[in-house]
C-alpha atoms as a PDB file:
ATOM      1  CA  MET A   1     175.309 110.164 133.849  1.00  0.00           C
ATOM      2  CA  GLU A   2     172.315 108.656 132.314  1.00  0.00           C
ATOM      3  CA  HIS A   3     171.068 104.987 133.260  1.00  0.00           C
ATOM      4  CA  PRO A   4     171.827 102.492 130.639  1.00  0.00           C
ATOM      5  CA  LYS A   5     168.372 100.776 131.318  1.00  0.00           C
ATOM      6  CA  SER A   6     166.698 104.135 130.927  1.00  0.00           C
ATOM      7  CA  SER A   7     168.549 104.818 127.794  1.00  0.00           C
ATOM      8  CA  ALA A   8     167.526 101.662 126.398  1.00  0.00           C
ATOM      9  CA  ALA A   9     163.927 102.266 127.192  1.00  0.00           C
ATOM     10  CA  LEU A  10     163.935 105.288 125.851  1.00  0.00           C
ATOM     11  CA  PHE A  11     165.639 104.405 122.325  1.00  0.00           C
ATOM     12  CA  TRP A  12     162.793 101.409 122.187  1.00  0.00           C
ATOM     13  CA  GLN A  13     160.065 103.979 123.041  1.00  0.00           C
ATOM     14  CA  ARG A  14     161.194 106.365 120.294  1.00  0.00           C
ATOM     15  CA  SER A  15     161.540 103.506 117.832  1.00  0.00           C
ATOM     16  CA  LEU A  16     157.941 102.295 118.565  1.00  0.00           C
ATOM     17  CA  TYR A  17     156.621 105.747 118.079  1.00  0.00           C
ATOM     18  CA  VAL A  18     158.529 105.964 114.871  1.00  0.00           C
ATOM     19  CA  PHE A  19     157.172 102.941 113.541  1.00  0.00           C
ATOM     20  CA  VAL A  20     153.681 103.643 114.460  1.00  0.00           C
ATOM     21  CA  VAL A  21     153.875 106.959 112.677  1.00  0.00           C
ATOM     22  CA  VAL A  22     155.475 105.687 109.514  1.00  0.00           C
ATOM     23  CA  PHE A  23     153.064 102.616 109.325  1.00  0.00           C
ATOM     24  CA  PHE A  24     149.904 104.358 109.842  1.00  0.00           C
ATOM     25  CA  GLY A  25     151.313 107.231 107.703  1.00  0.00           C
ATOM     26  CA  VAL A  26     151.779 104.938 104.722  1.00  0.00           C
ATOM     27  CA  SER A  27     148.405 103.139 105.260  1.00  0.00           C
ATOM     28  CA  ALA A  28     146.499 106.185 105.435  1.00  0.00           C
ATOM     29  CA  SER A  29     148.403 107.537 102.148  1.00  0.00           C
ATOM     30  CA  SER A  30     147.652 104.340 100.378  1.00  0.00           C
ATOM     31  CA  ILE A  31     143.900 104.358 101.296  1.00  0.00           C
ATOM     32  CA  ASN A  32     143.889 107.912 100.277  1.00  0.00           C
ATOM     33  CA  ALA A  33     145.830 107.184  97.029  1.00  0.00           C
ATOM     34  CA  ALA A  34     143.699 104.391  95.862  1.00  0.00           C
ATOM     35  CA  PRO A  35     141.216 105.096  93.094  1.00  0.00           C
ATOM     36  CA  ALA A  36     137.640 105.274  94.134  1.00  0.00           C
ATOM     37  CA  PRO A  37     135.438 102.188  92.817  1.00  0.00           C
ATOM     38  CA  SER A  38     133.776 103.031  89.753  1.00  0.00           C
ATOM     39  CA  SER A  39     130.360 102.277  91.104  1.00  0.00           C
ATOM     40  CA  ALA A  40     127.261 104.224  90.485  1.00  0.00           C
ATOM     41  CA  PRO A  41     125.622 106.339  93.196  1.00  0.00           C
ATOM     42  CA  LEU A  42     123.844 104.969  96.036  1.00  0.00           C
ATOM     43  CA  ALA A  43     120.106 103.833  94.979  1.00  0.00           C
ATOM     44  CA  SER A  44     117.370 106.816  96.212  1.00  0.00           C
ATOM     45  CA  ASP A  45     114.896 106.300  98.505  1.00  0.00           C
ATOM     46  CA  TYR A  46     112.330 103.489  97.881  1.00  0.00           C
ATOM     47  CA  LEU A  47     108.896 105.258  96.513  1.00  0.00           C
ATOM     48  CA  ILE A  48     105.691 103.556  97.604  1.00  0.00           C
ATOM     49  CA  GLY A  49     104.074 102.279  94.748  1.00  0.00           C
ATOM     50  CA  LEU A  50     100.183 100.910  93.746  1.00  0.00           C
ATOM     51  CA  GLU A  51      99.423  97.583  95.533  1.00  0.00           C
ATOM     52  CA  ASP A  52     102.365  97.968  98.001  1.00  0.00           C
ATOM     53  CA  THR A  53     101.377  96.722 101.513  1.00  0.00           C
ATOM     54  CA  LEU A  54     102.480  99.179 104.345  1.00  0.00           C
ATOM     55  CA  GLN A  55     102.451  98.888 108.016  1.00  0.00           C
ATOM     56  CA  ILE A  56     101.589 101.885 110.034  1.00  0.00           C
ATOM     57  CA  PHE A  57     103.108 102.253 113.243  1.00  0.00           C
ATOM     58  CA  VAL A  58     101.889 104.747 115.862  1.00  0.00           C
ATOM     59  CA  TRP A  59     103.984 105.005 118.974  1.00  0.00           C
ATOM     60  CA  LYS A  60     102.135 104.382 121.883  1.00  0.00           C
ATOM     61  CA  ASN A  61      98.743 104.038 120.061  1.00  0.00           C
ATOM     62  CA  PRO A  62      98.519 100.377 119.159  1.00  0.00           C
ATOM     63  CA  ASP A  63      94.762 100.804 118.184  1.00  0.00           C
ATOM     64  CA  LEU A  64      95.760 103.335 115.303  1.00  0.00           C
ATOM     65  CA  SER A  65      98.627 100.982 114.040  1.00  0.00           C
ATOM     66  CA  THR A  66      97.508  98.796 111.133  1.00  0.00           C
ATOM     67  CA  THR A  67      98.656  97.290 107.815  1.00  0.00           C
ATOM     68  CA  VAL A  68      96.950  98.337 104.779  1.00  0.00           C
ATOM     69  CA  PRO A  69      97.437  97.921 101.080  1.00  0.00           C
ATOM     70  CA  VAL A  70      97.837 101.119  98.522  1.00  0.00           C
ATOM     71  CA  ARG A  71      94.777 101.355  96.598  1.00  0.00           C
ATOM     72  CA  PRO A  72      94.837 101.551  92.850  1.00  0.00           C
ATOM     73  CA  ASP A  73      94.027 105.509  93.324  1.00  0.00           C
ATOM     74  CA  GLY A  74      97.280 105.742  95.249  1.00  0.00           C
ATOM     75  CA  ARG A  75      96.070 106.249  98.791  1.00  0.00           C
ATOM     76  CA  ILE A  76      95.536 104.566 102.039  1.00  0.00           C
ATOM     77  CA  SER A  77      93.136 104.994 104.965  1.00  0.00           C
ATOM     78  CA  ILE A  78      93.955 104.312 108.614  1.00  0.00           C
ATOM     79  CA  PRO A  79      92.261 104.934 111.934  1.00  0.00           C
ATOM     80  CA  LEU A  80      91.297 108.708 112.206  1.00  0.00           C
ATOM     81  CA  VAL A  81      93.014 109.513 108.802  1.00  0.00           C
ATOM     82  CA  GLU A  82      91.194 108.646 105.332  1.00  0.00           C
ATOM     83  CA  ASP A  83      92.263 108.998 101.838  1.00  0.00           C
ATOM     84  CA  ILE A  84      95.969 109.944 102.576  1.00  0.00           C
ATOM     85  CA  GLU A  85      98.353 109.900  99.478  1.00  0.00           C
ATOM     86  CA  SER A  86     100.882 107.313  99.603  1.00  0.00           C
ATOM     87  CA  ALA A  87     102.050 106.379  96.024  1.00  0.00           C
ATOM     88  CA  GLY A  88     105.178 108.152  95.095  1.00  0.00           C
ATOM     89  CA  LYS A  89     106.028 109.140  98.219  1.00  0.00           C
ATOM     90  CA  THR A  90     109.079 107.496 100.466  1.00  0.00           C
ATOM     91  CA  PRO A  91     107.989 105.729 103.884  1.00  0.00           C
ATOM     92  CA  THR A  92     109.373 108.611 105.810  1.00  0.00           C
ATOM     93  CA  GLN A  93     107.566 111.168 103.928  1.00  0.00           C
ATOM     94  CA  LEU A  94     104.034 109.509 104.271  1.00  0.00           C
ATOM     95  CA  ALA A  95     105.082 109.078 108.002  1.00  0.00           C
ATOM     96  CA  ARG A  96     105.314 112.787 108.418  1.00  0.00           C
ATOM     97  CA  ASP A  97     102.159 113.343 106.619  1.00  0.00           C
ATOM     98  CA  ILE A  98     100.568 110.869 108.734  1.00  0.00           C
ATOM     99  CA  GLU A  99     101.656 112.561 111.758  1.00  0.00           C
ATOM    100  CA  THR A 100     100.443 116.159 110.569  1.00  0.00           C
ATOM    101  CA  ARG A 101      96.776 114.315 109.961  1.00  0.00           C
ATOM    102  CA  LEU A 102      96.787 112.857 113.263  1.00  0.00           C
ATOM    103  CA  ARG A 103      97.777 115.882 115.466  1.00  0.00           C
ATOM    104  CA  PRO A 104      94.234 117.173 116.175  1.00  0.00           C
ATOM    105  CA  PHE A 105      93.388 113.734 117.755  1.00  0.00           C
ATOM    106  CA  VAL A 106      97.105 112.447 119.046  1.00  0.00           C
ATOM    107  CA  GLN A 107      99.424 114.777 121.265  1.00  0.00           C
ATOM    108  CA  ASP A 108     102.990 114.524 119.317  1.00  0.00           C
ATOM    109  CA  PRO A 109     102.430 111.359 117.249  1.00  0.00           C
ATOM    110  CA  THR A 110     105.361 109.613 116.242  1.00  0.00           C
ATOM    111  CA  VAL A 111     104.918 107.335 113.153  1.00  0.00           C
ATOM    112  CA  THR A 112     106.708 104.672 111.415  1.00  0.00           C
ATOM    113  CA  VAL A 113     105.925 103.406 107.932  1.00  0.00           C
ATOM    114  CA  ILE A 114     107.354 100.130 106.915  1.00  0.00           C
ATOM    115  CA  VAL A 115     106.651  98.697 103.325  1.00  0.00           C
ATOM    116  CA  ARG A 116     106.238  94.836 103.911  1.00  0.00           C
ATOM    117  CA  SER A 117     105.468  93.821 100.458  1.00  0.00           C
ATOM    118  CA  PHE A 118     106.662  95.752  97.019  1.00  0.00           C
ATOM    119  CA  ALA A 119     104.954  96.458  93.822  1.00  0.00           C
ATOM    120  CA  GLY A 120     106.623  99.602  93.064  1.00  0.00           C
ATOM    121  CA  LEU A 121     106.255 102.554  90.579  1.00  0.00           C
ATOM    122  CA  ASP A 122     106.791 101.847  87.125  1.00  0.00           C
ATOM    123  CA  THR A 123     109.711 104.415  87.010  1.00  0.00           C
ATOM    124  CA  GLN A 124     111.664 102.203  89.779  1.00  0.00           C
ATOM    125  CA  LYS A 125     111.081  98.799  88.035  1.00  0.00           C
ATOM    126  CA  ILE A 126     113.956  96.783  86.826  1.00  0.00           C
ATOM    127  CA  ARG A 127     113.569  96.070  83.289  1.00  0.00           C
ATOM    128  CA  ILE A 128     115.266  92.865  81.620  1.00  0.00           C
ATOM    129  CA  VAL A 129     114.970  92.687  77.642  1.00  0.00           C
ATOM    130  CA  GLY A 130     116.410  90.565  74.983  1.00  0.00           C
ATOM    131  CA  GLN A 131     117.834  87.181  75.356  1.00  0.00           C
ATOM    132  CA  VAL A 132     116.332  85.963  78.677  1.00  0.00           C
ATOM    133  CA  PRO A 133     113.850  83.035  78.477  1.00  0.00           C
ATOM    134  CA  GLN A 134     111.159  85.525  80.390  1.00  0.00           C
ATOM    135  CA  PRO A 135     111.704  89.297  79.613  1.00  0.00           C
ATOM    136  CA  LYS A 136     109.793  91.330  82.327  1.00  0.00           C
ATOM    137  CA  ALA A 137     109.763  94.422  84.490  1.00  0.00           C
ATOM    138  CA  LEU A 138     110.627  93.372  88.049  1.00  0.00           C
ATOM    139  CA  PRO A 139     109.805  95.432  91.305  1.00  0.00           C
ATOM    140  CA  TYR A 140     112.923  96.763  92.656  1.00  0.00           C
ATOM    141  CA  ARG A 141     113.943  95.734  96.386  1.00  0.00           C
ATOM    142  CA  ALA A 142     116.496  96.859  98.570  1.00  0.00           C
ATOM    143  CA  ASN A 143     120.073  95.263  97.850  1.00  0.00           C
ATOM    144  CA  MET A 144     118.916  93.760  94.483  1.00  0.00           C
ATOM    145  CA  SER A 145     121.774  92.752  92.158  1.00  0.00           C
ATOM    146  CA  VAL A 146     122.126  91.632  88.406  1.00  0.00           C
ATOM    147  CA  LEU A 147     122.507  88.316  89.521  1.00  0.00           C
ATOM    148  CA  ASP A 148     119.121  88.598  91.482  1.00  0.00           C
ATOM    149  CA  ALA A 149     117.258  89.776  88.369  1.00  0.00           C
ATOM    150  CA  LEU A 150     118.579  87.261  86.037  1.00  0.00           C
ATOM    151  CA  ILE A 151     117.448  84.361  88.491  1.00  0.00           C
ATOM    152  CA  GLU A 152     114.074  85.760  88.119  1.00  0.00           C
ATOM    153  CA  VAL A 153     113.857  85.664  84.327  1.00  0.00           C
ATOM    154  CA  GLY A 154     115.396  82.350  84.074  1.00  0.00           C
ATOM    155  CA  GLY A 155     119.159  83.138  83.120  1.00  0.00           C
ATOM    156  CA  LEU A 156     120.286  83.817  79.671  1.00  0.00           C
ATOM    157  CA  THR A 157     118.821  81.668  76.246  1.00  0.00           C
ATOM    158  CA  THR A 158     121.596  79.805  74.562  1.00  0.00           C
ATOM    159  CA  SER A 159     121.847  82.555  71.659  1.00  0.00           C
ATOM    160  CA  ALA A 160     122.536  85.482  74.407  1.00  0.00           C
ATOM    161  CA  ALA A 161     125.871  87.276  73.968  1.00  0.00           C
ATOM    162  CA  GLY A 162     125.918  87.869  77.839  1.00  0.00           C
ATOM    163  CA  ASN A 163     129.539  89.727  77.855  1.00  0.00           C
ATOM    164  CA  ARG A 164     128.047  92.389  75.565  1.00  0.00           C
ATOM    165  CA  ALA A 165     124.921  92.990  77.630  1.00  0.00           C
ATOM    166  CA  ARG A 166     124.363  96.590  78.826  1.00  0.00           C
ATOM    167  CA  LEU A 167     122.929  98.250  81.827  1.00  0.00           C
ATOM    168  CA  VAL A 168     121.222 101.327  81.212  1.00  0.00           C
ATOM    169  CA  ARG A 169     121.018 103.890  84.161  1.00  0.00           C
ATOM    170  CA  SER A 170     119.496 107.434  84.526  1.00  0.00           C
ATOM    171  CA  ILE A 171     122.105 109.387  86.592  1.00  0.00           C
ATOM    172  CA  ASN A 172     121.258 113.319  86.705  1.00  0.00           C
ATOM    173  CA  GLY A 173     118.736 113.067  84.162  1.00  0.00           C
ATOM    174  CA  GLN A 174     121.192 111.450  81.617  1.00  0.00           C
ATOM    175  CA  GLN A 175     120.943 107.700  80.288  1.00  0.00           C
ATOM    176  CA  VAL A 176     124.293 106.311  80.889  1.00  0.00           C
ATOM    177  CA  SER A 177     125.160 102.838  79.197  1.00  0.00           C
ATOM    178  CA  THR A 178     127.592 100.225  80.800  1.00  0.00           C
ATOM    179  CA  THR A 179     128.638  96.756  79.786  1.00  0.00           C
ATOM    180  CA  ILE A 180     128.099  93.978  82.065  1.00  0.00           C
ATOM    181  CA  ARG A 181     129.785  90.711  81.934  1.00  0.00           C
ATOM    182  CA  LEU A 182     126.793  88.377  82.146  1.00  0.00           C
ATOM    183  CA  ASP A 183     128.665  85.267  80.880  1.00  0.00           C
ATOM    184  CA  ASP A 184     131.171  85.646  83.070  1.00  0.00           C
ATOM    185  CA  LEU A 185     128.876  85.914  86.008  1.00  0.00           C
ATOM    186  CA  LEU A 186     126.534  83.084  84.996  1.00  0.00           C
ATOM    187  CA  LYS A 187     128.881  80.412  83.319  1.00  0.00           C
ATOM    188  CA  ASN A 188     132.208  81.111  85.283  1.00  0.00           C
ATOM    189  CA  GLY A 189     130.960  82.100  88.619  1.00  0.00           C
ATOM    190  CA  ASP A 190     132.760  85.398  88.448  1.00  0.00           C
ATOM    191  CA  LEU A 191     131.144  87.412  90.949  1.00  0.00           C
ATOM    192  CA  SER A 192     133.179  90.333  90.225  1.00  0.00           C
ATOM    193  CA  ALA A 193     130.711  90.768  87.368  1.00  0.00           C
ATOM    194  CA  ASN A 194     127.843  90.959  89.714  1.00  0.00           C
ATOM    195  CA  MET A 195     126.970  94.532  90.620  1.00  0.00           C
ATOM    196  CA  PRO A 196     123.872  96.194  92.499  1.00  0.00           C
ATOM    197  CA  LEU A 197     120.810  97.584  90.977  1.00  0.00           C
ATOM    198  CA  GLU A 198     119.219 100.724  91.275  1.00  0.00           C
ATOM    199  CA  PRO A 199     115.493 101.655  90.531  1.00  0.00           C
ATOM    200  CA  GLY A 200     114.515 102.190  87.052  1.00  0.00           C
ATOM    201  CA  ASP A 201     117.582 100.148  85.554  1.00  0.00           C
ATOM    202  CA  ILE A 202     117.316  98.376  82.414  1.00  0.00           C
ATOM    203  CA  ILE A 203     119.255  95.468  81.289  1.00  0.00           C
ATOM    204  CA  ILE A 204     119.540  94.908  77.514  1.00  0.00           C
ATOM    205  CA  ILE A 205     120.741  91.409  76.434  1.00  0.00           C
ATOM    206  CA  PRO A 206     121.849  91.092  72.703  1.00  0.00           C
ATOM    207  CA  ARG A 207     121.955  87.921  70.613  1.00  0.00           C
END
């Protein structure tokens, strides 16, 4: 004869198992069924531009580590490595190139490149045109948003049709235009109208 306490324990154990399976099964189904947010692809890696300032760190070789600007010809020079092309490369690509150039002098060099100040390539700048006090091209920086860009150009003019503004972005070689709600963002504080920017984005604000 089965002990009553054992039966009760088995009952609750099975009930808990069913609850866990159903709860997490439903949660997983809900997550999988939820529509993906209509955001653009992640920004591509930053490309070094003219007048960027780079910190070059050579592991275990502090005498080779330095901070240098990218010259107008797109090159940099560091100890043991002169005139290496930098503009248009990612920091990782440049680090690997420096390692290759250092191998005749350093055993198994490990190089890290950090961009300390950004000027950026023209193709990576954020351009804001139309009804803003200071239309301009801004250097792209990591985690830059529409709100960041608008602050730098002084917001909107009084004649701007902010909710009819457009964000133009190149995706797979195609120019894609999206409406952005700048009035809602700036006048109503609706942060859902904010969005991340990518290198090369253009914000057009009509009258």
